[in-house]
């Protein structure tokens, strides 16, 4: 992993207690940043905070329901109250929904996926950006997917929500391009998160077929994704905004 120095900076990771979010939180902490974890599950939040503290991180956990504006506002306010500022945000909370033919799609599932994956990112940016502007700017990474840039049969809610993340990222990046706020999206390919490892146990054929669609023939590691997140937040990416960055083992090139 490329070494970044974020000493004195503060990162808020929404959806930061597992998977790509937790990997990003750990990477920020190792780079010297103070980290706020925001997520729904309080037990997992306490466990994630304790794990990062054991590594020497300055970290807090803020119970947060990304679907609710007041809850997201409290997470941002709590981060600023505790650490004094907000420099980086990673909006990683998300869920997959069901895989079903269009005529069998459940509307409640659709609404729930869109509320978490799309409205949650919108709410997060609404509250993160004013906090960043108060101290001169910052960088936001919204976690999308290869399916924010491509389609997949029978996975309508997830694909639609991740396309929405890419669209919002571009629009908000344009709005704040001259105000010190950079906004990008990470379009992640198959990544060996705990959820994917669980899927390998229960639906191995489905996972193998997904991996086979990636020309590199493997899943990404969480650290590879976290490295991309940190780069997008770094000064090295200072002229990068509004970009849906594929980190996908060649998936979109095929």
Protein backbone atom coordinates (compact mmCIF):
# COMPACT_ATOMS: atom_id res chain seq x y z
CA UNK A 1 0.00 0.00 0.00
CA UNK A 2 1.32 3.48 -0.92
CA UNK A 3 2.21 5.44 2.18
CA UNK A 4 0.09 8.55 2.76
CA UNK A 5 0.46 11.01 5.61
CA UNK A 6 -2.92 12.20 6.90
CA UNK A 7 -1.66 13.28 10.32
CA UNK A 8 -3.97 15.88 11.81
CA UNK A 9 -6.78 15.05 9.39
CA UNK A 10 -10.16 13.50 10.14
CA UNK A 11 -12.06 10.86 8.15
CA UNK A 12 -15.69 9.84 8.55
CA UNK A 13 -16.50 6.37 7.22
CA UNK A 14 -20.22 5.72 6.86
CA UNK A 15 -20.67 1.97 6.71
CA UNK A 16 -17.29 1.72 8.38
CA UNK A 17 -17.69 -1.36 10.57
CA UNK A 18 -17.20 -4.10 7.98
CA UNK A 19 -15.92 -4.87 4.51
CA UNK A 20 -14.56 -2.11 2.35
CA UNK A 21 -15.60 0.56 4.86
CA UNK A 22 -13.66 -0.99 7.71
CA UNK A 23 -10.66 -1.60 5.47
CA UNK A 24 -10.72 2.08 4.49
CA UNK A 25 -11.02 3.14 8.12
CA UNK A 26 -8.01 1.02 9.05
CA UNK A 27 -6.02 2.47 6.14
CA UNK A 28 -6.83 6.05 7.16
CA UNK A 29 -5.86 5.31 10.75
CA UNK A 30 -2.55 3.77 9.69
CA UNK A 31 -1.91 6.91 7.63
CA UNK A 32 -2.27 9.02 10.77
CA UNK A 33 -5.87 10.24 10.45
CA UNK A 34 -8.43 10.29 13.23
CA UNK A 35 -11.39 8.15 12.23
CA UNK A 36 -15.11 8.22 12.94
CA UNK A 37 -17.01 5.02 12.18
CA UNK A 38 -20.72 5.38 11.47
CA UNK A 39 -23.05 2.41 11.00
CA UNK A 40 -26.30 0.88 12.20
CA UNK A 41 -25.05 -2.12 14.15
CA UNK A 42 -23.87 -1.01 17.58
CA UNK A 43 -22.25 -4.32 18.55
CA UNK A 44 -20.24 -4.45 15.33
CA UNK A 45 -19.42 -0.79 15.84
CA UNK A 46 -17.97 -1.41 19.28
CA UNK A 47 -15.98 -4.38 17.96
CA UNK A 48 -14.59 -2.37 15.03
CA UNK A 49 -13.66 0.55 17.28
CA UNK A 50 -11.90 -1.76 19.72
CA UNK A 51 -9.99 -3.48 16.91
CA UNK A 52 -8.74 -0.14 15.56
CA UNK A 53 -7.93 1.17 19.02
CA UNK A 54 -5.81 -1.94 19.60
CA UNK A 55 -3.75 -0.85 16.59
CA UNK A 56 -3.27 2.61 18.09
CA UNK A 57 -5.97 4.44 16.14
CA UNK A 58 -7.80 7.53 17.34
CA UNK A 59 -11.33 6.36 16.62
CA UNK A 60 -14.93 6.84 17.68
CA UNK A 61 -18.10 4.98 16.77
CA UNK A 62 -21.36 6.79 16.03
CA UNK A 63 -24.56 4.72 15.68
CA UNK A 64 -26.06 5.87 12.37
CA UNK A 65 -28.93 4.93 10.09
CA UNK A 66 -27.87 6.29 6.71
CA UNK A 67 -31.48 6.28 5.53
CA UNK A 68 -32.44 8.96 8.06
CA UNK A 69 -31.30 12.55 7.62
CA UNK A 70 -31.31 13.37 11.33
CA UNK A 71 -29.16 10.33 12.09
CA UNK A 72 -26.62 11.24 9.40
CA UNK A 73 -26.55 14.84 10.66
CA UNK A 74 -25.74 13.58 14.17
CA UNK A 75 -22.88 11.47 12.81
CA UNK A 76 -21.29 14.45 11.06
CA UNK A 77 -21.88 16.73 14.05
CA UNK A 78 -20.47 14.11 16.40
CA UNK A 79 -17.34 13.74 14.27
CA UNK A 80 -16.71 17.49 14.23
CA UNK A 81 -17.52 17.85 17.91
CA UNK A 82 -15.06 15.12 18.88
CA UNK A 83 -12.20 15.78 16.46
CA UNK A 84 -12.74 19.44 15.58
CA UNK A 85 -13.03 19.11 11.81
CA UNK A 86 -13.90 16.88 8.86
CA UNK A 87 -11.48 16.41 5.95
CA UNK A 88 -12.49 13.14 4.30
CA UNK A 89 -15.66 11.08 3.99
CA UNK A 90 -16.17 7.62 2.59
CA UNK A 91 -19.81 6.76 1.97
CA UNK A 92 -19.71 2.98 2.01
CA UNK A 93 -23.02 1.87 3.54
CA UNK A 94 -24.92 -0.35 1.15
CA UNK A 95 -26.92 -3.50 0.61
CA UNK A 96 -27.49 -5.87 -2.24
CA UNK A 97 -31.19 -6.55 -2.49
CA UNK A 98 -32.63 -9.54 -4.27
CA UNK A 99 -31.94 -11.12 -7.65
CA UNK A 100 -35.22 -11.77 -9.45
CA UNK A 101 -36.86 -11.29 -12.84
CA UNK A 102 -38.39 -7.85 -13.24
CA UNK A 103 -41.97 -9.10 -12.96
CA UNK A 104 -41.12 -10.81 -9.67
CA UNK A 105 -39.25 -7.88 -8.12
CA UNK A 106 -40.44 -6.94 -4.65
CA UNK A 107 -41.24 -3.23 -4.34
CA UNK A 108 -40.34 -3.16 -0.65
CA UNK A 109 -36.87 -4.52 -1.47
CA UNK A 110 -36.50 -1.92 -4.23
CA UNK A 111 -37.44 0.89 -1.84
CA UNK A 112 -35.12 -0.35 0.90
CA UNK A 113 -32.11 -0.73 -1.42
CA UNK A 114 -32.64 2.70 -2.94
CA UNK A 115 -33.07 4.26 0.51
CA UNK A 116 -29.77 2.85 1.74
CA UNK A 117 -27.59 2.93 -1.37
CA UNK A 118 -28.84 6.07 -3.11
CA UNK A 119 -30.66 8.29 -0.62
CA UNK A 120 -28.04 7.44 1.98
CA UNK A 121 -25.23 8.82 -0.19
CA UNK A 122 -27.28 11.93 -0.97
CA UNK A 123 -27.98 12.54 2.71
CA UNK A 124 -24.36 11.92 3.63
CA UNK A 125 -23.00 14.46 1.16
CA UNK A 126 -25.63 17.02 2.19
CA UNK A 127 -24.25 17.00 5.72
CA UNK A 128 -20.57 16.27 5.07
CA UNK A 129 -19.95 19.10 2.63
CA UNK A 130 -20.91 22.01 4.93
CA UNK A 131 -18.62 20.57 7.62
CA UNK A 132 -15.75 20.37 5.12
CA UNK A 133 -16.37 23.89 3.81
CA UNK A 134 -16.06 25.20 7.37
CA UNK A 135 -12.36 24.25 7.39
CA UNK A 136 -11.48 24.95 3.77
CA UNK A 137 -12.51 21.85 1.85
CA UNK A 138 -12.08 18.11 1.69
CA UNK A 139 -12.53 14.96 -0.34
CA UNK A 140 -15.42 12.51 -0.56
CA UNK A 141 -15.36 8.98 -1.96
CA UNK A 142 -18.71 7.38 -2.65
CA UNK A 143 -18.61 3.60 -2.96
CA UNK A 144 -20.35 2.54 -6.14
CA UNK A 145 -19.72 -0.66 -8.08
CA UNK A 146 -18.87 -2.00 -11.50
CA UNK A 147 -22.66 -2.19 -11.71
CA UNK A 148 -22.77 1.57 -11.41
CA UNK A 149 -21.25 1.55 -14.91
CA UNK A 150 -22.72 -1.65 -16.35
CA UNK A 151 -25.93 -3.62 -16.14
CA UNK A 152 -26.65 -7.03 -14.66
CA UNK A 153 -29.76 -9.05 -15.38
CA UNK A 154 -32.23 -9.57 -12.53
CA UNK A 155 -30.39 -7.27 -10.13
CA UNK A 156 -32.43 -4.14 -10.78
CA UNK A 157 -32.48 -2.28 -7.47
CA UNK A 158 -28.77 -2.68 -6.78
CA UNK A 159 -27.75 -1.68 -10.31
CA UNK A 160 -30.07 1.33 -10.31
CA UNK A 161 -28.84 2.49 -6.92
CA UNK A 162 -25.18 2.25 -7.91
CA UNK A 163 -25.81 4.14 -11.16
CA UNK A 164 -27.46 6.80 -8.99
CA UNK A 165 -24.31 7.04 -6.88
CA UNK A 166 -22.23 7.70 -9.99
CA UNK A 167 -24.67 10.35 -11.21
CA UNK A 168 -24.77 12.14 -7.86
CA UNK A 169 -21.00 12.01 -7.63
CA UNK A 170 -20.61 13.77 -10.97
CA UNK A 171 -23.26 16.39 -10.22
CA UNK A 172 -21.97 17.27 -6.74
CA UNK A 173 -18.37 17.32 -7.97
CA UNK A 174 -19.32 19.95 -10.54
CA UNK A 175 -21.20 22.00 -7.96
CA UNK A 176 -18.24 22.23 -5.57
CA UNK A 177 -15.30 22.07 -7.99
CA UNK A 178 -14.23 25.65 -7.22
CA UNK A 179 -14.90 25.45 -3.49
CA UNK A 180 -12.25 23.00 -2.36
CA UNK A 181 -14.41 19.88 -2.33
CA UNK A 182 -13.50 16.91 -4.52
CA UNK A 183 -16.03 14.12 -4.99
CA UNK A 184 -15.26 10.81 -6.67
CA UNK A 185 -16.77 7.34 -6.82
CA UNK A 186 -15.00 4.02 -6.42
CA UNK A 187 -16.57 1.49 -8.78
CA UNK A 188 -15.50 -1.71 -7.10
CA UNK A 189 -15.25 -5.07 -8.75
CA UNK A 190 -15.63 -8.32 -6.86
CA UNK A 191 -13.84 -7.93 -3.53
CA UNK A 192 -13.10 -10.58 -0.91
CA UNK A 193 -15.07 -9.01 1.91
CA UNK A 194 -16.60 -11.05 4.76
CA UNK A 195 -19.92 -11.04 2.87
CA UNK A 196 -18.24 -12.43 -0.23
CA UNK A 197 -16.41 -15.07 1.79
CA UNK A 198 -19.76 -16.11 3.23
CA UNK A 199 -21.21 -16.27 -0.28
CA UNK A 200 -18.33 -18.55 -1.30
CA UNK A 201 -19.63 -21.02 1.27
CA UNK A 202 -23.33 -20.86 0.41
CA UNK A 203 -23.39 -20.07 -3.33
CA UNK A 204 -19.92 -21.03 -4.58
CA UNK A 205 -20.98 -21.47 -8.22
CA UNK A 206 -22.45 -17.97 -8.33
CA UNK A 207 -19.29 -16.46 -6.83
CA UNK A 208 -17.05 -18.42 -9.18
CA UNK A 209 -19.05 -17.21 -12.19
CA UNK A 210 -18.72 -13.61 -10.99
CA UNK A 211 -14.98 -13.95 -10.48
CA UNK A 212 -14.61 -15.50 -13.92
CA UNK A 213 -16.04 -12.29 -15.42
CA UNK A 214 -12.95 -10.44 -14.14
CA UNK A 215 -10.05 -10.90 -16.61
CA UNK A 216 -7.51 -11.02 -13.79
CA UNK A 217 -9.24 -14.19 -12.60
CA UNK A 218 -9.50 -13.29 -8.95
CA UNK A 219 -11.23 -11.03 -6.47
CA UNK A 220 -9.65 -7.84 -5.19
CA UNK A 221 -8.44 -7.68 -1.62
CA UNK A 222 -9.97 -5.16 0.74
CA UNK A 223 -6.56 -3.49 1.01
CA UNK A 224 -6.45 -2.94 -2.75
CA UNK A 225 -9.77 -1.12 -2.57
CA UNK A 226 -8.71 0.87 0.49
CA UNK A 227 -5.55 1.95 -1.33
CA UNK A 228 -7.67 3.43 -4.11
CA UNK A 229 -9.85 5.23 -1.56
CA UNK A 230 -6.83 6.79 0.13
CA UNK A 231 -5.32 7.85 -3.18
CA UNK A 232 -8.56 9.58 -4.19
CA UNK A 233 -8.41 11.54 -0.92
CA UNK A 234 -4.72 12.37 -1.19
CA UNK A 235 -2.98 15.43 -2.61
CA UNK A 236 -1.76 13.16 -5.40
CA UNK A 237 -5.33 13.12 -6.71
CA UNK A 238 -5.71 16.87 -6.28
CA UNK A 239 -6.87 17.38 -9.88
CA UNK A 240 -9.28 14.45 -9.82
CA UNK A 241 -12.98 15.09 -9.24
CA UNK A 242 -16.24 13.74 -10.62
CA UNK A 243 -14.57 10.47 -11.61
CA UNK A 244 -16.19 7.02 -11.34
CA UNK A 245 -12.95 5.07 -10.88
CA UNK A 246 -13.19 1.37 -11.80
CA UNK A 247 -11.03 -0.90 -9.65
CA UNK A 248 -12.21 -4.07 -11.28
CA UNK A 249 -9.48 -6.42 -12.50
CA UNK A 250 -10.34 -5.55 -16.09
CA UNK A 251 -14.09 -6.27 -15.83
CA UNK A 252 -15.18 -3.17 -17.76
CA UNK A 253 -12.45 -3.58 -20.37
CA UNK A 254 -13.72 -6.98 -21.45
